[in-house]
Amino acid sequence: MKRLGILLAATILAFAFPAMAEEVAVYKVQHKDGKFEPSTIEVPAGKRFKLEVVNAGPGAIEFESKPLKQEKVIAAGATATVTINALKPGSYKFVDEYHEATAKGTIVAK
């Protein structure tokens, strides 16, 4: 019975540690003067990543991407991180909902 417990614990650890050790890439985008810089971000398809959104402007913004099902209000001078699950190859639009006419961007998964 003790061997079964050890085997079970070893199996759980073998599956847990690779997932915990997986590094998640971080991509940065800045909102300034009513625009996102850079406006296009290329990411590898099939890999989870984080998007760090810096609001360098004087007012709040609302990062929104309907295709990615993400929405986050970011105060002036603040930074927020959005975790994006693995994407299929393609283009995914995002905007600042408060300045939709000028603040647009695209994430391209290749």
Protein backbone atom coordinates (compact mmCIF):
# COMPACT_ATOMS: atom_id res chain seq x y z
CA MET A 1 0.00 0.00 0.00
CA LYS A 2 2.87 2.35 0.81
CA ARG A 3 4.38 1.73 -2.65
CA LEU A 4 1.08 2.66 -4.27
CA GLY A 5 1.06 5.97 -2.38
CA ILE A 6 4.64 6.74 -3.46
CA LEU A 7 3.86 5.82 -7.06
CA LEU A 8 0.76 8.01 -7.03
CA ALA A 9 2.68 10.97 -5.56
CA ALA A 10 5.48 10.56 -8.14
CA THR A 11 2.94 10.47 -10.98
CA ILE A 12 1.23 13.62 -9.76
CA LEU A 13 4.56 15.45 -9.44
CA ALA A 14 5.66 14.34 -12.91
CA PHE A 15 2.58 15.92 -14.42
CA ALA A 16 2.51 19.02 -12.20
CA PHE A 17 6.08 20.28 -12.50
CA PRO A 18 6.34 20.53 -16.31
CA ALA A 19 3.18 22.65 -16.32
CA MET A 20 4.52 24.84 -13.53
CA ALA A 21 7.93 25.18 -15.19
CA GLU A 22 6.44 26.33 -18.51
CA GLU A 23 7.54 29.89 -19.12
CA VAL A 24 4.87 32.27 -20.34
CA ALA A 25 6.04 34.98 -22.71
CA VAL A 26 5.09 38.57 -21.88
CA TYR A 27 4.37 41.10 -24.63
CA LYS A 28 4.04 44.80 -23.86
CA VAL A 29 1.78 47.37 -25.45
CA GLN A 30 1.47 51.00 -24.40
CA HIS A 31 -1.54 53.27 -24.77
CA LYS A 32 -0.42 56.85 -25.34
CA ASP A 33 -1.92 59.83 -27.16
CA GLY A 34 -5.05 57.84 -28.00
CA LYS A 35 -3.15 54.99 -29.73
CA PHE A 36 -1.60 51.63 -28.94
CA GLU A 37 2.14 51.26 -29.53
CA PRO A 38 2.95 48.88 -31.10
CA SER A 39 -0.35 48.47 -32.88
CA THR A 40 0.53 44.95 -34.08
CA ILE A 41 1.95 42.22 -31.88
CA GLU A 42 3.12 38.88 -33.28
CA VAL A 43 2.86 35.83 -31.00
CA PRO A 44 3.44 32.13 -31.58
CA ALA A 45 0.24 30.18 -32.23
CA GLY A 46 -0.56 27.43 -29.76
CA LYS A 47 1.23 29.07 -26.80
CA ARG A 48 -0.31 30.85 -23.84
CA PHE A 49 1.08 34.35 -23.21
CA LYS A 50 0.57 37.49 -21.18
CA LEU A 51 -0.13 40.93 -22.55
CA GLU A 52 1.07 43.78 -20.36
CA VAL A 53 -0.95 46.92 -21.13
CA VAL A 54 0.58 50.20 -19.95
CA ASN A 55 -1.71 53.22 -19.82
CA ALA A 56 0.65 56.18 -20.25
CA GLY A 57 -2.19 58.60 -20.89
CA PRO A 58 -3.96 61.09 -18.62
CA GLY A 59 -7.27 59.18 -18.42
CA ALA A 60 -8.61 55.67 -17.95
CA ILE A 61 -8.78 53.24 -20.87
CA GLU A 62 -10.72 50.05 -21.41
CA PHE A 63 -8.71 47.34 -23.15
CA GLU A 64 -11.22 45.18 -25.01
CA SER A 65 -11.00 42.30 -27.44
CA LYS A 66 -14.23 40.56 -28.37
CA PRO A 67 -12.44 37.79 -30.31
CA LEU A 68 -10.28 37.06 -27.24
CA LYS A 69 -13.14 37.60 -24.79
CA GLN A 70 -11.04 40.04 -22.74
CA GLU A 71 -12.01 43.34 -21.16
CA LYS A 72 -10.14 45.37 -18.55
CA VAL A 73 -10.35 48.98 -17.35
CA ILE A 74 -6.91 50.47 -16.67
CA ALA A 75 -6.49 53.70 -14.70
CA ALA A 76 -4.26 56.54 -15.91
CA GLY A 77 -0.61 55.73 -15.25
CA ALA A 78 -1.39 52.10 -14.38
CA THR A 79 -0.33 48.79 -15.89
CA ALA A 80 -2.49 45.67 -16.20
CA THR A 81 -1.65 42.16 -17.31
CA VAL A 82 -4.04 40.07 -19.38
CA THR A 83 -3.41 36.33 -19.77
CA ILE A 84 -4.31 35.00 -23.21
CA ASN A 85 -4.75 31.27 -23.73
CA ALA A 86 -3.15 29.55 -26.72
CA LEU A 87 -4.46 30.99 -29.99
CA LYS A 88 -5.05 29.37 -33.33
CA PRO A 89 -3.19 31.02 -36.23
CA GLY A 90 -4.93 34.23 -37.23
CA SER A 91 -5.51 37.89 -36.40
CA TYR A 92 -7.27 39.09 -33.26
CA LYS A 93 -8.35 42.73 -32.93
CA PHE A 94 -8.30 44.79 -29.73
CA VAL A 95 -9.31 48.38 -28.96
CA ASP A 96 -9.52 50.96 -26.22
CA GLU A 97 -13.29 51.08 -25.96
CA TYR A 98 -13.13 54.69 -24.72
CA HIS A 99 -11.15 55.80 -27.83
CA GLU A 100 -12.27 53.21 -30.37
CA ALA A 101 -11.82 55.49 -33.39
CA THR A 102 -8.04 55.81 -32.89
CA ALA A 103 -6.86 53.20 -30.39
CA LYS A 104 -6.87 49.94 -32.34
CA GLY A 105 -4.49 47.03 -32.43
CA THR A 106 -4.04 43.49 -33.66
CA ILE A 107 -2.49 40.36 -32.22
CA VAL A 108 -1.24 38.07 -34.99
CA ALA A 109 -0.72 34.43 -34.02
CA LYS A 110 1.61 32.54 -36.38
